[in-house]
Amino acid sequence: MAVTFTNGPGRAYAHEAITVDNTVGGKGFTSTVVRAFNATTTVKTVASEVLVSAETAEMRYTVDGTTVTSTVGHLLSIGDVVVIAGLSNIDNFRAIRTGGTSGVLRVTFFE
């Protein structure tokens, strides 16, 4: 699957794995990773794009503030890869599993 970045991509600065369960309202990215602050260099890094890949279970996601449910949102199947661009979309990203098994998202953040 080809992945297209809006801005190039920029420099990758962080990675996280998110377990997506059936939490009401869905799970989002870790806010302190989206806006990372390095106390040693006093540099703040803010995500402009996020690379997301789905593992272990089918999920749904939204990026516009719509409440995600097991039937509302974009379908993300095992092996799918998407790029979320724009800080507002990154902040509003929420995912939820569609069935009885929690999924895992592998996420790389780009400045």
PDB file of N, CA and C in Angstrom:
ATOM      1  N   MET A   1       0.839  -1.181   0.000  1.00  0.00           N
ATOM      2  CA  MET A   1       0.000   0.000   0.000  1.00  0.00           C
ATOM      3  C   MET A   1       0.882   1.242   0.000  1.00  0.00           C
ATOM      4  N   ALA A   2       0.634   2.161  -0.911  1.00  0.00           N
ATOM      5  CA  ALA A   2       1.379   3.410  -0.978  1.00  0.00           C
ATOM      6  C   ALA A   2       0.870   4.380   0.073  1.00  0.00           C
ATOM      7  N   VAL A   3       1.798   5.071   0.703  1.00  0.00           N
ATOM      8  CA  VAL A   3       1.438   6.067   1.709  1.00  0.00           C
ATOM      9  C   VAL A   3       1.905   7.417   1.198  1.00  0.00           C
ATOM     10  N   THR A   4       1.032   8.402   1.208  1.00  0.00           N
ATOM     11  CA  THR A   4       1.358   9.730   0.703  1.00  0.00           C
ATOM     12  C   THR A   4       1.358  10.730   1.854  1.00  0.00           C
ATOM     13  N   PHE A   5       2.475  11.443   1.983  1.00  0.00           N
ATOM     14  CA  PHE A   5       2.593  12.486   2.992  1.00  0.00           C
ATOM     15  C   PHE A   5       2.314  13.833   2.334  1.00  0.00           C
ATOM     16  N   THR A   6       1.647  14.703   3.063  1.00  0.00           N
ATOM     17  CA  THR A   6       1.325  16.029   2.549  1.00  0.00           C
ATOM     18  C   THR A   6       2.564  16.896   2.445  1.00  0.00           C
ATOM     19  N   ASN A   7       3.411  16.830   3.458  1.00  0.00           N
ATOM     20  CA  ASN A   7       4.549  17.736   3.550  1.00  0.00           C
ATOM     21  C   ASN A   7       5.897  17.079   3.326  1.00  0.00           C
ATOM     22  N   GLY A   8       5.948  15.891   2.853  1.00  0.00           N
ATOM     23  CA  GLY A   8       7.256  15.387   2.493  1.00  0.00           C
ATOM     24  C   GLY A   8       7.711  14.022   2.902  1.00  0.00           C
ATOM     25  N   PRO A   9       7.648  13.489   4.050  1.00  0.00           N
ATOM     26  CA  PRO A   9       7.246  13.984   5.373  1.00  0.00           C
ATOM     27  C   PRO A   9       8.373  14.765   6.050  1.00  0.00           C
ATOM     28  N   GLY A  10       8.077  15.336   7.197  1.00  0.00           N
ATOM     29  CA  GLY A  10       9.105  15.982   7.998  1.00  0.00           C
ATOM     30  C   GLY A  10       9.902  14.935   8.758  1.00  0.00           C
ATOM     31  N   ARG A  11      10.662  15.385   9.728  1.00  0.00           N
ATOM     32  CA  ARG A  11      11.492  14.493  10.545  1.00  0.00           C
ATOM     33  C   ARG A  11      10.612  13.707  11.517  1.00  0.00           C
ATOM     34  N   ALA A  12      10.811  12.394  11.544  1.00  0.00           N
ATOM     35  CA  ALA A  12      10.121  11.564  12.538  1.00  0.00           C
ATOM     36  C   ALA A  12      10.757  11.835  13.896  1.00  0.00           C
ATOM     37  N   TYR A  13       9.939  12.055  14.913  1.00  0.00           N
ATOM     38  CA  TYR A  13      10.494  12.365  16.227  1.00  0.00           C
ATOM     39  C   TYR A  13       9.972  11.482  17.351  1.00  0.00           C
ATOM     40  N   ALA A  14       8.946  10.677  17.097  1.00  0.00           N
ATOM     41  CA  ALA A  14       8.418   9.836  18.178  1.00  0.00           C
ATOM     42  C   ALA A  14       7.590   8.698  17.597  1.00  0.00           C
ATOM     43  N   HIS A  15       7.421   7.662  18.414  1.00  0.00           N
ATOM     44  CA  HIS A  15       6.617   6.497  18.045  1.00  0.00           C
ATOM     45  C   HIS A  15       5.877   6.039  19.290  1.00  0.00           C
ATOM     46  N   GLU A  16       4.670   5.523  19.089  1.00  0.00           N
ATOM     47  CA  GLU A  16       3.951   4.911  20.202  1.00  0.00           C
ATOM     48  C   GLU A  16       3.048   3.806  19.678  1.00  0.00           C
ATOM     49  N   ALA A  17       2.717   2.899  20.562  1.00  0.00           N
ATOM     50  CA  ALA A  17       1.731   1.860  20.280  1.00  0.00           C
ATOM     51  C   ALA A  17       0.522   2.154  21.157  1.00  0.00           C
ATOM     52  N   ILE A  18      -0.659   2.152  20.548  1.00  0.00           N
ATOM     53  CA  ILE A  18      -1.889   2.447  21.276  1.00  0.00           C
ATOM     54  C   ILE A  18      -2.796   1.229  21.202  1.00  0.00           C
ATOM     55  N   THR A  19      -3.220   0.744  22.353  1.00  0.00           N
ATOM     56  CA  THR A  19      -4.207  -0.328  22.384  1.00  0.00           C
ATOM     57  C   THR A  19      -5.586   0.308  22.299  1.00  0.00           C
ATOM     58  N   VAL A  20      -6.323  -0.094  21.279  1.00  0.00           N
ATOM     59  CA  VAL A  20      -7.649   0.476  21.024  1.00  0.00           C
ATOM     60  C   VAL A  20      -8.690  -0.517  21.503  1.00  0.00           C
ATOM     61  N   ASP A  21      -9.404  -0.134  22.551  1.00  0.00           N
ATOM     62  CA  ASP A  21     -10.430  -0.997  23.123  1.00  0.00           C
ATOM     63  C   ASP A  21     -11.805  -0.398  22.834  1.00  0.00           C
ATOM     64  N   ASN A  22     -12.765  -0.667  23.674  1.00  0.00           N
ATOM     65  CA  ASN A  22     -14.116  -0.147  23.454  1.00  0.00           C
ATOM     66  C   ASN A  22     -14.432   1.034  24.367  1.00  0.00           C
ATOM     67  N   THR A  23     -13.421   1.817  24.723  1.00  0.00           N
ATOM     68  CA  THR A  23     -13.620   3.020  25.521  1.00  0.00           C
ATOM     69  C   THR A  23     -14.605   3.941  24.816  1.00  0.00           C
ATOM     70  N   VAL A  24     -15.639   4.361  25.522  1.00  0.00           N
ATOM     71  CA  VAL A  24     -16.639   5.257  24.947  1.00  0.00           C
ATOM     72  C   VAL A  24     -15.945   6.534  24.474  1.00  0.00           C
ATOM     73  N   GLY A  25     -16.190   6.926  23.230  1.00  0.00           N
ATOM     74  CA  GLY A  25     -15.561   8.117  22.660  1.00  0.00           C
ATOM     75  C   GLY A  25     -14.249   7.821  21.970  1.00  0.00           C
ATOM     76  N   GLY A  26     -13.722   6.598  22.139  1.00  0.00           N
ATOM     77  CA  GLY A  26     -12.503   6.194  21.448  1.00  0.00           C
ATOM     78  C   GLY A  26     -11.227   6.624  22.136  1.00  0.00           C
ATOM     79  N   LYS A  27     -10.123   6.125  21.601  1.00  0.00           N
ATOM     80  CA  LYS A  27      -8.790   6.447  22.113  1.00  0.00           C
ATOM     81  C   LYS A  27      -8.083   7.355  21.118  1.00  0.00           C
ATOM     82  N   GLY A  28      -7.372   8.355  21.632  1.00  0.00           N
ATOM     83  CA  GLY A  28      -6.624   9.273  20.785  1.00  0.00           C
ATOM     84  C   GLY A  28      -5.130   9.093  20.969  1.00  0.00           C
ATOM     85  N   PHE A  29      -4.369   9.931  20.297  1.00  0.00           N
ATOM     86  CA  PHE A  29      -2.917   9.932  20.450  1.00  0.00           C
ATOM     87  C   PHE A  29      -2.563  10.554  21.800  1.00  0.00           C
ATOM     88  N   THR A  30      -1.411  10.229  22.333  1.00  0.00           N
ATOM     89  CA  THR A  30      -0.949  10.787  23.600  1.00  0.00           C
ATOM     90  C   THR A  30      -0.592  12.257  23.390  1.00  0.00           C
ATOM     91  N   SER A  31      -1.269  13.144  24.107  1.00  0.00           N
ATOM     92  CA  SER A  31      -1.110  14.585  23.879  1.00  0.00           C
ATOM     93  C   SER A  31       0.320  15.069  24.105  1.00  0.00           C
ATOM     94  N   THR A  32       1.043  14.465  25.054  1.00  0.00           N
ATOM     95  CA  THR A  32       2.420  14.894  25.305  1.00  0.00           C
ATOM     96  C   THR A  32       3.378  14.412  24.218  1.00  0.00           C
ATOM     97  N   VAL A  33       2.927  13.499  23.364  1.00  0.00           N
ATOM     98  CA  VAL A  33       3.731  13.095  22.209  1.00  0.00           C
ATOM     99  C   VAL A  33       3.392  13.985  21.018  1.00  0.00           C
ATOM    100  N   VAL A  34       2.123  14.333  20.861  1.00  0.00           N
ATOM    101  CA  VAL A  34       1.708  15.244  19.788  1.00  0.00           C
ATOM    102  C   VAL A  34       2.421  16.577  19.942  1.00  0.00           C
ATOM    103  N   ARG A  35       2.551  17.033  21.173  1.00  0.00           N
ATOM    104  CA  ARG A  35       3.266  18.274  21.491  1.00  0.00           C
ATOM    105  C   ARG A  35       4.389  17.923  22.464  1.00  0.00           C
ATOM    106  N   ALA A  36       5.503  17.486  21.908  1.00  0.00           N
ATOM    107  CA  ALA A  36       6.623  17.019  22.730  1.00  0.00           C
ATOM    108  C   ALA A  36       7.503  18.198  23.138  1.00  0.00           C
ATOM    109  N   PHE A  37       7.953  18.177  24.389  1.00  0.00           N
ATOM    110  CA  PHE A  37       8.842  19.217  24.897  1.00  0.00           C
ATOM    111  C   PHE A  37      10.092  18.557  25.445  1.00  0.00           C
ATOM    112  N   ASN A  38      11.232  18.972  24.945  1.00  0.00           N
ATOM    113  CA  ASN A  38      12.511  18.455  25.408  1.00  0.00           C
ATOM    114  C   ASN A  38      13.070  19.446  26.431  1.00  0.00           C
ATOM    115  N   ALA A  39      13.060  19.061  27.709  1.00  0.00           N
ATOM    116  CA  ALA A  39      13.500  19.959  28.781  1.00  0.00           C
ATOM    117  C   ALA A  39      14.986  20.284  28.677  1.00  0.00           C
ATOM    118  N   THR A  40      15.775  19.399  28.115  1.00  0.00           N
ATOM    119  CA  THR A  40      17.225  19.631  27.983  1.00  0.00           C
ATOM    120  C   THR A  40      17.511  20.725  26.966  1.00  0.00           C
ATOM    121  N   THR A  41      16.853  20.666  25.820  1.00  0.00           N
ATOM    122  CA  THR A  41      17.113  21.646  24.762  1.00  0.00           C
ATOM    123  C   THR A  41      16.076  22.755  24.721  1.00  0.00           C
ATOM    124  N   THR A  42      15.049  22.650  25.529  1.00  0.00           N
ATOM    125  CA  THR A  42      13.907  23.573  25.584  1.00  0.00           C
ATOM    126  C   THR A  42      13.256  23.774  24.210  1.00  0.00           C
ATOM    127  N   VAL A  43      13.241  22.704  23.411  1.00  0.00           N
ATOM    128  CA  VAL A  43      12.621  22.750  22.090  1.00  0.00           C
ATOM    129  C   VAL A  43      11.271  22.037  22.159  1.00  0.00           C
ATOM    130  N   LYS A  44      10.254  22.672  21.625  1.00  0.00           N
ATOM    131  CA  LYS A  44       8.936  22.062  21.560  1.00  0.00           C
ATOM    132  C   LYS A  44       8.716  21.582  20.128  1.00  0.00           C
ATOM    133  N   THR A  45       8.362  20.315  19.982  1.00  0.00           N
ATOM    134  CA  THR A  45       8.077  19.727  18.685  1.00  0.00           C
ATOM    135  C   THR A  45       6.592  19.433  18.611  1.00  0.00           C
ATOM    136  N   VAL A  46       5.956  19.871  17.529  1.00  0.00           N
ATOM    137  CA  VAL A  46       4.526  19.670  17.345  1.00  0.00           C
ATOM    138  C   VAL A  46       4.310  18.841  16.083  1.00  0.00           C
ATOM    139  N   ALA A  47       3.461  17.834  16.184  1.00  0.00           N
ATOM    140  CA  ALA A  47       3.195  16.961  15.046  1.00  0.00           C
ATOM    141  C   ALA A  47       2.445  17.698  13.944  1.00  0.00           C
ATOM    142  N   SER A  48       2.881  17.476  12.702  1.00  0.00           N
ATOM    143  CA  SER A  48       2.136  18.000  11.555  1.00  0.00           C
ATOM    144  C   SER A  48       1.495  16.857  10.778  1.00  0.00           C
ATOM    145  N   GLU A  49       2.097  15.659  10.888  1.00  0.00           N
ATOM    146  CA  GLU A  49       1.544  14.465  10.252  1.00  0.00           C
ATOM    147  C   GLU A  49       1.835  13.253  11.133  1.00  0.00           C
ATOM    148  N   VAL A  50       0.947  12.267  11.047  1.00  0.00           N
ATOM    149  CA  VAL A  50       1.080  11.058  11.845  1.00  0.00           C
ATOM    150  C   VAL A  50       0.829   9.858  10.932  1.00  0.00           C
ATOM    151  N   LEU A  51       1.734   8.907  10.968  1.00  0.00           N
ATOM    152  CA  LEU A  51       1.591   7.659  10.216  1.00  0.00           C
ATOM    153  C   LEU A  51       1.016   6.612  11.155  1.00  0.00           C
ATOM    154  N   VAL A  52      -0.103   6.004  10.755  1.00  0.00           N
ATOM    155  CA  VAL A  52      -0.816   5.047  11.602  1.00  0.00           C
ATOM    156  C   VAL A  52      -0.959   3.728  10.855  1.00  0.00           C
ATOM    157  N   SER A  53      -0.585   2.627  11.504  1.00  0.00           N
ATOM    158  CA  SER A  53      -0.834   1.301  10.921  1.00  0.00           C
ATOM    159  C   SER A  53      -1.612   0.466  11.932  1.00  0.00           C
ATOM    160  N   ALA A  54      -2.527  -0.346  11.409  1.00  0.00           N
ATOM    161  CA  ALA A  54      -3.421  -1.140  12.248  1.00  0.00           C
ATOM    162  C   ALA A  54      -2.908  -2.571  12.369  1.00  0.00           C
ATOM    163  N   GLU A  55      -2.927  -3.079  13.597  1.00  0.00           N
ATOM    164  CA  GLU A  55      -2.537  -4.456  13.874  1.00  0.00           C
ATOM    165  C   GLU A  55      -3.618  -5.126  14.730  1.00  0.00           C
ATOM    166  N   THR A  56      -3.750  -6.379  14.597  1.00  0.00           N
ATOM    167  CA  THR A  56      -4.500  -7.306  15.465  1.00  0.00           C
ATOM    168  C   THR A  56      -6.031  -7.252  15.431  1.00  0.00           C
ATOM    169  N   ALA A  57      -6.665  -6.174  15.012  1.00  0.00           N
ATOM    170  CA  ALA A  57      -8.129  -6.155  15.005  1.00  0.00           C
ATOM    171  C   ALA A  57      -8.634  -5.013  14.135  1.00  0.00           C
ATOM    172  N   GLU A  58      -9.859  -5.129  13.680  1.00  0.00           N
ATOM    173  CA  GLU A  58     -10.517  -4.078  12.906  1.00  0.00           C
ATOM    174  C   GLU A  58     -10.954  -2.962  13.855  1.00  0.00           C
ATOM    175  N   MET A  59     -10.825  -1.718  13.385  1.00  0.00           N
ATOM    176  CA  MET A  59     -11.189  -0.548  14.180  1.00  0.00           C
ATOM    177  C   MET A  59     -11.875   0.476  13.297  1.00  0.00           C
ATOM    178  N   ARG A  60     -12.472   1.472  13.917  1.00  0.00           N
ATOM    179  CA  ARG A  60     -12.991   2.642  13.207  1.00  0.00           C
ATOM    180  C   ARG A  60     -12.346   3.879  13.816  1.00  0.00           C
ATOM    181  N   TYR A  61     -12.220   4.935  12.980  1.00  0.00           N
ATOM    182  CA  TYR A  61     -11.633   6.180  13.487  1.00  0.00           C
ATOM    183  C   TYR A  61     -12.316   7.382  12.864  1.00  0.00           C
ATOM    184  N   THR A  62     -12.247   8.506  13.579  1.00  0.00           N
ATOM    185  CA  THR A  62     -12.701   9.800  13.078  1.00  0.00           C
ATOM    186  C   THR A  62     -11.615  10.834  13.374  1.00  0.00           C
ATOM    187  N   VAL A  63     -11.637  11.938  12.631  1.00  0.00           N
ATOM    188  CA  VAL A  63     -10.661  13.005  12.847  1.00  0.00           C
ATOM    189  C   VAL A  63     -11.315  14.389  12.921  1.00  0.00           C
ATOM    190  N   ASP A  64     -12.635  14.433  12.815  1.00  0.00           N
ATOM    191  CA  ASP A  64     -13.322  15.725  12.746  1.00  0.00           C
ATOM    192  C   ASP A  64     -14.121  16.078  13.995  1.00  0.00           C
ATOM    193  N   GLY A  65     -13.939  15.327  15.063  1.00  0.00           N
ATOM    194  CA  GLY A  65     -14.682  15.586  16.290  1.00  0.00           C
ATOM    195  C   GLY A  65     -15.950  14.765  16.420  1.00  0.00           C
ATOM    196  N   THR A  66     -16.340  14.051  15.357  1.00  0.00           N
ATOM    197  CA  THR A  66     -17.481  13.150  15.436  1.00  0.00           C
ATOM    198  C   THR A  66     -17.158  12.040  16.425  1.00  0.00           C
ATOM    199  N   THR A  67     -18.112  11.672  17.265  1.00  0.00           N
ATOM    200  CA  THR A  67     -17.898  10.591  18.222  1.00  0.00           C
ATOM    201  C   THR A  67     -17.809   9.275  17.473  1.00  0.00           C
ATOM    202  N   VAL A  68     -16.690   8.608  17.590  1.00  0.00           N
ATOM    203  CA  VAL A  68     -16.474   7.328  16.922  1.00  0.00           C
ATOM    204  C   VAL A  68     -17.187   6.226  17.704  1.00  0.00           C
ATOM    205  N   THR A  69     -17.779   5.282  16.979  1.00  0.00           N
ATOM    206  CA  THR A  69     -18.380   4.098  17.595  1.00  0.00           C
ATOM    207  C   THR A  69     -17.980   2.892  16.755  1.00  0.00           C
ATOM    208  N   SER A  70     -18.428   1.735  17.153  1.00  0.00           N
ATOM    209  CA  SER A  70     -18.096   0.530  16.391  1.00  0.00           C
ATOM    210  C   SER A  70     -18.756   0.521  15.008  1.00  0.00           C
ATOM    211  N   THR A  71     -19.689   1.445  14.769  1.00  0.00           N
ATOM    212  CA  THR A  71     -20.349   1.529  13.457  1.00  0.00           C
ATOM    213  C   THR A  71     -20.228   2.910  12.801  1.00  0.00           C
ATOM    214  N   VAL A  72     -19.636   3.884  13.482  1.00  0.00           N
ATOM    215  CA  VAL A  72     -19.489   5.241  12.945  1.00  0.00           C
ATOM    216  C   VAL A  72     -18.007   5.572  12.831  1.00  0.00           C
ATOM    217  N   GLY A  73     -17.593   5.997  11.667  1.00  0.00           N
ATOM    218  CA  GLY A  73     -16.210   6.362  11.424  1.00  0.00           C
ATOM    219  C   GLY A  73     -15.642   5.567  10.259  1.00  0.00           C
ATOM    220  N   HIS A  74     -14.419   5.900   9.906  1.00  0.00           N
ATOM    221  CA  HIS A  74     -13.734   5.204   8.815  1.00  0.00           C
ATOM    222  C   HIS A  74     -13.262   3.843   9.310  1.00  0.00           C
ATOM    223  N   LEU A  75     -13.433   2.831   8.476  1.00  0.00           N
ATOM    224  CA  LEU A  75     -13.007   1.482   8.823  1.00  0.00           C
ATOM    225  C   LEU A  75     -11.500   1.346   8.625  1.00  0.00           C
ATOM    226  N   LEU A  76     -10.836   0.774   9.602  1.00  0.00           N
ATOM    227  CA  LEU A  76      -9.403   0.522   9.558  1.00  0.00           C
ATOM    228  C   LEU A  76      -9.195  -0.964   9.805  1.00  0.00           C
ATOM    229  N   SER A  77      -8.804  -1.675   8.768  1.00  0.00           N
ATOM    230  CA  SER A  77      -8.620  -3.126   8.868  1.00  0.00           C
ATOM    231  C   SER A  77      -7.163  -3.453   9.180  1.00  0.00           C
ATOM    232  N   ILE A  78      -6.910  -4.652   9.637  1.00  0.00           N
ATOM    233  CA  ILE A  78      -5.552  -5.104   9.933  1.00  0.00           C
ATOM    234  C   ILE A  78      -4.690  -4.914   8.696  1.00  0.00           C
ATOM    235  N   GLY A  79      -3.557  -4.267   8.862  1.00  0.00           N
ATOM    236  CA  GLY A  79      -2.630  -4.017   7.767  1.00  0.00           C
ATOM    237  C   GLY A  79      -2.814  -2.685   7.075  1.00  0.00           C
ATOM    238  N   ASP A  80      -3.924  -2.007   7.333  1.00  0.00           N
ATOM    239  CA  ASP A  80      -4.146  -0.698   6.722  1.00  0.00           C
ATOM    240  C   ASP A  80      -3.178   0.329   7.296  1.00  0.00           C
ATOM    241  N   VAL A  81      -2.780   1.277   6.448  1.00  0.00           N
ATOM    242  CA  VAL A  81      -1.891   2.364   6.849  1.00  0.00           C
ATOM    243  C   VAL A  81      -2.523   3.667   6.375  1.00  0.00           C
ATOM    244  N   VAL A  82      -2.603   4.649   7.269  1.00  0.00           N
ATOM    245  CA  VAL A  82      -3.138   5.964   6.909  1.00  0.00           C
ATOM    246  C   VAL A  82      -2.218   7.046   7.444  1.00  0.00           C
ATOM    247  N   VAL A  83      -2.270   8.201   6.801  1.00  0.00           N
ATOM    248  CA  VAL A  83      -1.556   9.384   7.271  1.00  0.00           C
ATOM    249  C   VAL A  83      -2.599  10.402   7.692  1.00  0.00           C
ATOM    250  N   ILE A  84      -2.479  10.882   8.917  1.00  0.00           N
ATOM    251  CA  ILE A  84      -3.348  11.937   9.430  1.00  0.00           C
ATOM    252  C   ILE A  84      -2.528  13.224   9.369  1.00  0.00           C
ATOM    253  N   ALA A  85      -3.008  14.209   8.615  1.00  0.00           N
ATOM    254  CA  ALA A  85      -2.283  15.467   8.441  1.00  0.00           C
ATOM    255  C   ALA A  85      -3.043  16.604   9.093  1.00  0.00           C
ATOM    256  N   GLY A  86      -2.296  17.539   9.661  1.00  0.00           N
ATOM    257  CA  GLY A  86      -2.888  18.726  10.280  1.00  0.00           C
ATOM    258  C   GLY A  86      -3.101  18.535  11.766  1.00  0.00           C
ATOM    259  N   LEU A  87      -2.668  19.505  12.547  1.00  0.00           N
ATOM    260  CA  LEU A  87      -2.732  19.396  14.003  1.00  0.00           C
ATOM    261  C   LEU A  87      -4.155  19.234  14.516  1.00  0.00           C
ATOM    262  N   SER A  88      -5.118  19.927  13.932  1.00  0.00           N
ATOM    263  CA  SER A  88      -6.510  19.789  14.369  1.00  0.00           C
ATOM    264  C   SER A  88      -7.006  18.359  14.169  1.00  0.00           C
ATOM    265  N   ASN A  89      -6.708  17.769  13.019  1.00  0.00           N
ATOM    266  CA  ASN A  89      -7.104  16.382  12.753  1.00  0.00           C
ATOM    267  C   ASN A  89      -6.400  15.414  13.699  1.00  0.00           C
ATOM    268  N   ILE A  90      -5.129  15.684  13.981  1.00  0.00           N
ATOM    269  CA  ILE A  90      -4.358  14.840  14.905  1.00  0.00           C
ATOM    270  C   ILE A  90      -4.958  14.927  16.308  1.00  0.00           C
ATOM    271  N   ASP A  91      -5.273  16.131  16.745  1.00  0.00           N
ATOM    272  CA  ASP A  91      -5.887  16.321  18.070  1.00  0.00           C
ATOM    273  C   ASP A  91      -7.243  15.623  18.167  1.00  0.00           C
ATOM    274  N   ASN A  92      -8.013  15.647  17.076  1.00  0.00           N
ATOM    275  CA  ASN A  92      -9.362  15.082  17.087  1.00  0.00           C
ATOM    276  C   ASN A  92      -9.414  13.591  16.776  1.00  0.00           C
ATOM    277  N   PHE A  93      -8.291  12.978  16.428  1.00  0.00           N
ATOM    278  CA  PHE A  93      -8.279  11.552  16.089  1.00  0.00           C
ATOM    279  C   PHE A  93      -8.773  10.714  17.266  1.00  0.00           C
ATOM    280  N   ARG A  94      -9.729   9.840  16.994  1.00  0.00           N
ATOM    281  CA  ARG A  94     -10.218   8.870  17.978  1.00  0.00           C
ATOM    282  C   ARG A  94     -10.481   7.566  17.258  1.00  0.00           C
ATOM    283  N   ALA A  95     -10.130   6.463  17.908  1.00  0.00           N
ATOM    284  CA  ALA A  95     -10.344   5.130  17.337  1.00  0.00           C
ATOM    285  C   ALA A  95     -11.000   4.226  18.365  1.00  0.00           C
ATOM    286  N   ILE A  96     -11.772   3.260  17.866  1.00  0.00           N
ATOM    287  CA  ILE A  96     -12.450   2.291  18.725  1.00  0.00           C
ATOM    288  C   ILE A  96     -12.476   0.958  17.980  1.00  0.00           C
ATOM    289  N   ARG A  97     -12.437  -0.133  18.729  1.00  0.00           N
ATOM    290  CA  ARG A  97     -12.521  -1.442  18.091  1.00  0.00           C
ATOM    291  C   ARG A  97     -13.945  -1.687  17.606  1.00  0.00           C
ATOM    292  N   THR A  98     -14.079  -2.542  16.583  1.00  0.00           N
ATOM    293  CA  THR A  98     -15.405  -2.833  16.042  1.00  0.00           C
ATOM    294  C   THR A  98     -15.985  -4.120  16.609  1.00  0.00           C
ATOM    295  N   GLY A  99     -15.145  -4.985  17.148  1.00  0.00           N
ATOM    296  CA  GLY A  99     -15.610  -6.270  17.672  1.00  0.00           C
ATOM    297  C   GLY A  99     -15.173  -6.478  19.103  1.00  0.00           C
ATOM    298  N   GLY A 100     -15.005  -7.734  19.491  1.00  0.00           N
ATOM    299  CA  GLY A 100     -14.674  -8.074  20.862  1.00  0.00           C
ATOM    300  C   GLY A 100     -13.191  -8.090  21.173  1.00  0.00           C
ATOM    301  N   THR A 101     -12.343  -7.898  20.162  1.00  0.00           N
ATOM    302  CA  THR A 101     -10.894  -7.935  20.359  1.00  0.00           C
ATOM    303  C   THR A 101     -10.308  -6.538  20.203  1.00  0.00           C
ATOM    304  N   SER A 102      -9.484  -6.122  21.153  1.00  0.00           N
ATOM    305  CA  SER A 102      -8.829  -4.818  21.062  1.00  0.00           C
ATOM    306  C   SER A 102      -7.786  -4.841  19.956  1.00  0.00           C
ATOM    307  N   GLY A 103      -7.619  -3.698  19.318  1.00  0.00           N
ATOM    308  CA  GLY A 103      -6.626  -3.547  18.264  1.00  0.00           C
ATOM    309  C   GLY A 103      -5.415  -2.789  18.766  1.00  0.00           C
ATOM    310  N   VAL A 104      -4.358  -2.809  17.983  1.00  0.00           N
ATOM    311  CA  VAL A 104      -3.163  -2.041  18.289  1.00  0.00           C
ATOM    312  C   VAL A 104      -2.853  -1.153  17.102  1.00  0.00           C
ATOM    313  N   LEU A 105      -2.606   0.117  17.389  1.00  0.00           N
ATOM    314  CA  LEU A 105      -2.147   1.054  16.376  1.00  0.00           C
ATOM    315  C   LEU A 105      -0.662   1.331  16.602  1.00  0.00           C
ATOM    316  N   ARG A 106       0.123   1.240  15.555  1.00  0.00           N
ATOM    317  CA  ARG A 106       1.525   1.662  15.593  1.00  0.00           C
ATOM    318  C   ARG A 106       1.555   3.049  14.969  1.00  0.00           C
ATOM    319  N   VAL A 107       2.113   4.007  15.702  1.00  0.00           N
ATOM    320  CA  VAL A 107       2.019   5.401  15.312  1.00  0.00           C
ATOM    321  C   VAL A 107       3.406   6.036  15.294  1.00  0.00           C
ATOM    322  N   THR A 108       3.727   6.732  14.193  1.00  0.00           N
ATOM    323  CA  THR A 108       4.956   7.512  14.107  1.00  0.00           C
ATOM    324  C   THR A 108       4.568   8.958  13.880  1.00  0.00           C
ATOM    325  N   PHE A 109       5.181   9.857  14.647  1.00  0.00           N
ATOM    326  CA  PHE A 109       4.881  11.278  14.607  1.00  0.00           C
ATOM    327  C   PHE A 109       5.975  12.014  13.818  1.00  0.00           C
ATOM    328  N   PHE A 110       5.537  12.942  12.951  1.00  0.00           N
ATOM    329  CA  PHE A 110       6.451  13.740  12.131  1.00  0.00           C
ATOM    330  C   PHE A 110       6.213  15.219  12.408  1.00  0.00           C
ATOM    331  N   GLU A 111       7.316  15.979  12.462  1.00  0.00           N
ATOM    332  CA  GLU A 111       7.169  17.429  12.670  1.00  0.00           C
ATOM    333  C   GLU A 111       7.008  18.121  11.344  1.00  0.00           C
TER     334      GLU A 111
END
